[in-house]
C-alpha atoms as a PDB file:
ATOM      1  CA  UNK A   1      13.441 142.788  37.964  1.00  0.00           C
ATOM      2  CA  UNK A   2      10.677 140.393  38.916  1.00  0.00           C
ATOM      3  CA  UNK A   3       7.510 141.350  40.715  1.00  0.00           C
ATOM      4  CA  UNK A   4       5.552 138.674  42.535  1.00  0.00           C
ATOM      5  CA  UNK A   5       2.015 138.918  43.876  1.00  0.00           C
ATOM      6  CA  UNK A   6       0.549 136.195  46.046  1.00  0.00           C
ATOM      7  CA  UNK A   7      -3.171 135.509  46.376  1.00  0.00           C
ATOM      8  CA  UNK A   8      -5.536 132.854  47.634  1.00  0.00           C
ATOM      9  CA  UNK A   9      -4.977 133.174  51.352  1.00  0.00           C
ATOM     10  CA  UNK A  10      -7.786 133.440  53.852  1.00  0.00           C
ATOM     11  CA  UNK A  11      -9.457 131.979  56.901  1.00  0.00           C
ATOM     12  CA  UNK A  12     -10.184 128.265  56.740  1.00  0.00           C
ATOM     13  CA  UNK A  13     -10.969 125.499  59.187  1.00  0.00           C
ATOM     14  CA  UNK A  14      -8.680 122.674  60.175  1.00  0.00           C
ATOM     15  CA  UNK A  15      -8.836 119.916  57.609  1.00  0.00           C
ATOM     16  CA  UNK A  16      -9.689 122.251  54.743  1.00  0.00           C
ATOM     17  CA  UNK A  17      -7.720 122.695  51.552  1.00  0.00           C
ATOM     18  CA  UNK A  18      -6.414 125.866  49.971  1.00  0.00           C
ATOM     19  CA  UNK A  19      -4.532 126.797  46.834  1.00  0.00           C
ATOM     20  CA  UNK A  20      -2.224 129.769  46.835  1.00  0.00           C
ATOM     21  CA  UNK A  21      -1.213 131.488  43.614  1.00  0.00           C
ATOM     22  CA  UNK A  22       1.747 133.671  42.817  1.00  0.00           C
ATOM     23  CA  UNK A  23       1.569 135.823  39.716  1.00  0.00           C
ATOM     24  CA  UNK A  24       4.902 136.876  38.299  1.00  0.00           C
ATOM     25  CA  UNK A  25       5.651 139.758  36.009  1.00  0.00           C
ATOM     26  CA  UNK A  26       8.222 139.884  33.289  1.00  0.00           C
ATOM     27  CA  UNK A  27       9.283 137.687  30.429  1.00  0.00           C
ATOM     28  CA  UNK A  28      11.835 135.830  32.548  1.00  0.00           C
ATOM     29  CA  UNK A  29       9.336 134.137  34.871  1.00  0.00           C
ATOM     30  CA  UNK A  30       9.402 130.894  32.912  1.00  0.00           C
ATOM     31  CA  UNK A  31      13.194 130.662  33.140  1.00  0.00           C
ATOM     32  CA  UNK A  32      13.412 131.058  36.907  1.00  0.00           C
ATOM     33  CA  UNK A  33      13.270 128.562  39.722  1.00  0.00           C
ATOM     34  CA  UNK A  34      10.546 129.424  42.214  1.00  0.00           C
ATOM     35  CA  UNK A  35       9.764 128.679  45.816  1.00  0.00           C
ATOM     36  CA  UNK A  36       7.379 129.115  48.725  1.00  0.00           C
ATOM     37  CA  UNK A  37       8.091 129.979  52.336  1.00  0.00           C
ATOM     38  CA  UNK A  38       6.010 131.022  55.330  1.00  0.00           C
ATOM     39  CA  UNK A  39       6.448 132.985  58.499  1.00  0.00           C
ATOM     40  CA  UNK A  40       4.329 132.644  61.585  1.00  0.00           C
ATOM     41  CA  UNK A  41       4.231 135.369  64.249  1.00  0.00           C
ATOM     42  CA  UNK A  42       7.330 135.283  66.383  1.00  0.00           C
ATOM     43  CA  UNK A  43       8.971 132.579  64.293  1.00  0.00           C
ATOM     44  CA  UNK A  44      11.659 132.482  61.654  1.00  0.00           C
ATOM     45  CA  UNK A  45      10.786 132.174  58.006  1.00  0.00           C
ATOM     46  CA  UNK A  46      10.319 128.531  57.061  1.00  0.00           C
ATOM     47  CA  UNK A  47      11.117 127.345  53.548  1.00  0.00           C
ATOM     48  CA  UNK A  48       8.421 125.007  52.253  1.00  0.00           C
ATOM     49  CA  UNK A  49       8.708 124.165  48.582  1.00  0.00           C
ATOM     50  CA  UNK A  50      10.713 124.679  45.423  1.00  0.00           C
ATOM     51  CA  UNK A  51      10.266 124.037  41.732  1.00  0.00           C
ATOM     52  CA  UNK A  52      12.649 124.349  38.826  1.00  0.00           C
ATOM     53  CA  UNK A  53      12.012 126.456  35.749  1.00  0.00           C
ATOM     54  CA  UNK A  54      10.199 123.757  33.797  1.00  0.00           C
ATOM     55  CA  UNK A  55       8.293 122.218  36.668  1.00  0.00           C
ATOM     56  CA  UNK A  56       9.964 118.859  36.194  1.00  0.00           C
ATOM     57  CA  UNK A  57      11.775 118.930  39.521  1.00  0.00           C
ATOM     58  CA  UNK A  58      10.239 119.823  42.876  1.00  0.00           C
ATOM     59  CA  UNK A  59      11.145 119.849  46.542  1.00  0.00           C
ATOM     60  CA  UNK A  60       8.836 119.784  49.562  1.00  0.00           C
ATOM     61  CA  UNK A  61      10.041 120.310  53.116  1.00  0.00           C
ATOM     62  CA  UNK A  62       9.587 117.375  55.455  1.00  0.00           C
ATOM     63  CA  UNK A  63       7.362 119.448  57.722  1.00  0.00           C
ATOM     64  CA  UNK A  64       4.640 119.661  55.053  1.00  0.00           C
ATOM     65  CA  UNK A  65       5.412 116.682  52.865  1.00  0.00           C
ATOM     66  CA  UNK A  66       2.316 114.719  51.978  1.00  0.00           C
ATOM     67  CA  UNK A  67       0.078 117.753  52.448  1.00  0.00           C
ATOM     68  CA  UNK A  68       1.593 120.483  50.268  1.00  0.00           C
ATOM     69  CA  UNK A  69       2.484 120.347  46.581  1.00  0.00           C
ATOM     70  CA  UNK A  70       4.030 122.956  44.306  1.00  0.00           C
ATOM     71  CA  UNK A  71       3.359 123.481  40.623  1.00  0.00           C
ATOM     72  CA  UNK A  72       3.618 126.164  37.984  1.00  0.00           C
ATOM     73  CA  UNK A  73       2.011 127.270  34.743  1.00  0.00           C
ATOM     74  CA  UNK A  74       4.578 129.163  32.737  1.00  0.00           C
ATOM     75  CA  UNK A  75       2.025 130.108  30.105  1.00  0.00           C
ATOM     76  CA  UNK A  76       0.210 132.047  32.812  1.00  0.00           C
ATOM     77  CA  UNK A  77       3.327 133.202  34.684  1.00  0.00           C
ATOM     78  CA  UNK A  78       1.843 131.650  37.790  1.00  0.00           C
ATOM     79  CA  UNK A  79       3.170 129.534  40.632  1.00  0.00           C
ATOM     80  CA  UNK A  80       0.886 127.477  42.873  1.00  0.00           C
ATOM     81  CA  UNK A  81       1.001 125.947  46.318  1.00  0.00           C
ATOM     82  CA  UNK A  82      -1.697 123.368  46.924  1.00  0.00           C
ATOM     83  CA  UNK A  83      -2.344 122.666  50.586  1.00  0.00           C
ATOM     84  CA  UNK A  84      -4.577 119.949  52.007  1.00  0.00           C
ATOM     85  CA  UNK A  85      -5.431 118.795  55.531  1.00  0.00           C
ATOM     86  CA  UNK A  86      -4.578 122.202  56.913  1.00  0.00           C
ATOM     87  CA  UNK A  87      -3.743 122.503  60.604  1.00  0.00           C
ATOM     88  CA  UNK A  88      -3.831 125.476  62.974  1.00  0.00           C
ATOM     89  CA  UNK A  89      -0.023 125.397  63.014  1.00  0.00           C
ATOM     90  CA  UNK A  90      -0.073 126.185  59.282  1.00  0.00           C
ATOM     91  CA  UNK A  91      -1.257 129.675  60.169  1.00  0.00           C
ATOM     92  CA  UNK A  92       1.289 132.109  58.746  1.00  0.00           C
ATOM     93  CA  UNK A  93       2.026 134.615  56.032  1.00  0.00           C
ATOM     94  CA  UNK A  94       2.957 132.721  52.894  1.00  0.00           C
ATOM     95  CA  UNK A  95       5.500 134.132  50.467  1.00  0.00           C
ATOM     96  CA  UNK A  96       6.548 133.157  46.988  1.00  0.00           C
ATOM     97  CA  UNK A  97      10.025 133.779  45.680  1.00  0.00           C
ATOM     98  CA  UNK A  98      11.993 133.726  42.456  1.00  0.00           C
ATOM     99  CA  UNK A  99      15.618 132.838  41.878  1.00  0.00           C
ATOM    100  CA  UNK A 100      18.107 134.060  39.304  1.00  0.00           C
ATOM    101  CA  UNK A 101      18.721 130.485  38.212  1.00  0.00           C
ATOM    102  CA  UNK A 102      16.395 127.997  36.606  1.00  0.00           C
ATOM    103  CA  UNK A 103      17.735 125.056  38.584  1.00  0.00           C
ATOM    104  CA  UNK A 104      15.970 123.844  41.706  1.00  0.00           C
ATOM    105  CA  UNK A 105      16.839 125.958  44.760  1.00  0.00           C
ATOM    106  CA  UNK A 106      16.156 124.176  48.032  1.00  0.00           C
ATOM    107  CA  UNK A 107      18.116 126.417  50.362  1.00  0.00           C
ATOM    108  CA  UNK A 108      15.547 129.156  50.573  1.00  0.00           C
ATOM    109  CA  UNK A 109      18.050 131.646  49.190  1.00  0.00           C
ATOM    110  CA  UNK A 110      16.046 133.508  46.602  1.00  0.00           C
ATOM    111  CA  UNK A 111      16.492 136.845  44.931  1.00  0.00           C
ATOM    112  CA  UNK A 112      12.964 138.196  44.700  1.00  0.00           C
ATOM    113  CA  UNK A 113      10.103 137.914  47.180  1.00  0.00           C
ATOM    114  CA  UNK A 114       6.439 138.776  47.115  1.00  0.00           C
ATOM    115  CA  UNK A 115       4.582 140.655  49.815  1.00  0.00           C
ATOM    116  CA  UNK A 116       2.862 137.579  51.163  1.00  0.00           C
ATOM    117  CA  UNK A 117      -0.665 136.338  51.718  1.00  0.00           C
ATOM    118  CA  UNK A 118      -2.123 135.484  55.121  1.00  0.00           C
ATOM    119  CA  UNK A 119      -3.395 131.996  55.793  1.00  0.00           C
ATOM    120  CA  UNK A 120      -5.276 131.439  59.031  1.00  0.00           C
ATOM    121  CA  UNK A 121      -6.429 127.976  60.037  1.00  0.00           C
ATOM    122  CA  UNK A 122      -8.950 127.775  62.855  1.00  0.00           C
ATOM    123  CA  UNK A 123      -9.365 124.711  65.018  1.00  0.00           C
END
């Protein structure tokens, strides 16, 4: 079992930057592929980013490419999502997720999900 807790969300202005963190429990965190997704009100969940177990391979969705990056620190059992040039349309609840595998998972099909952290971008 993996427990994930997101943090770092909040209210920011358009153009600001924000870094989300996802703290994972358990000794298997460092062996799992991880990902980020978001869900805005009334919209389907959108998969944003993925990273393999070692951090050597990443994926960023086209919709946020150039503005969002994903990284991890296995020594701290923590996953990050760095976001720059935020836009009002980035407003959503952001979720981190863990997979059973260590290989990069770009489909958004993950096995464990956190509770999410709200990001609100004002214009």
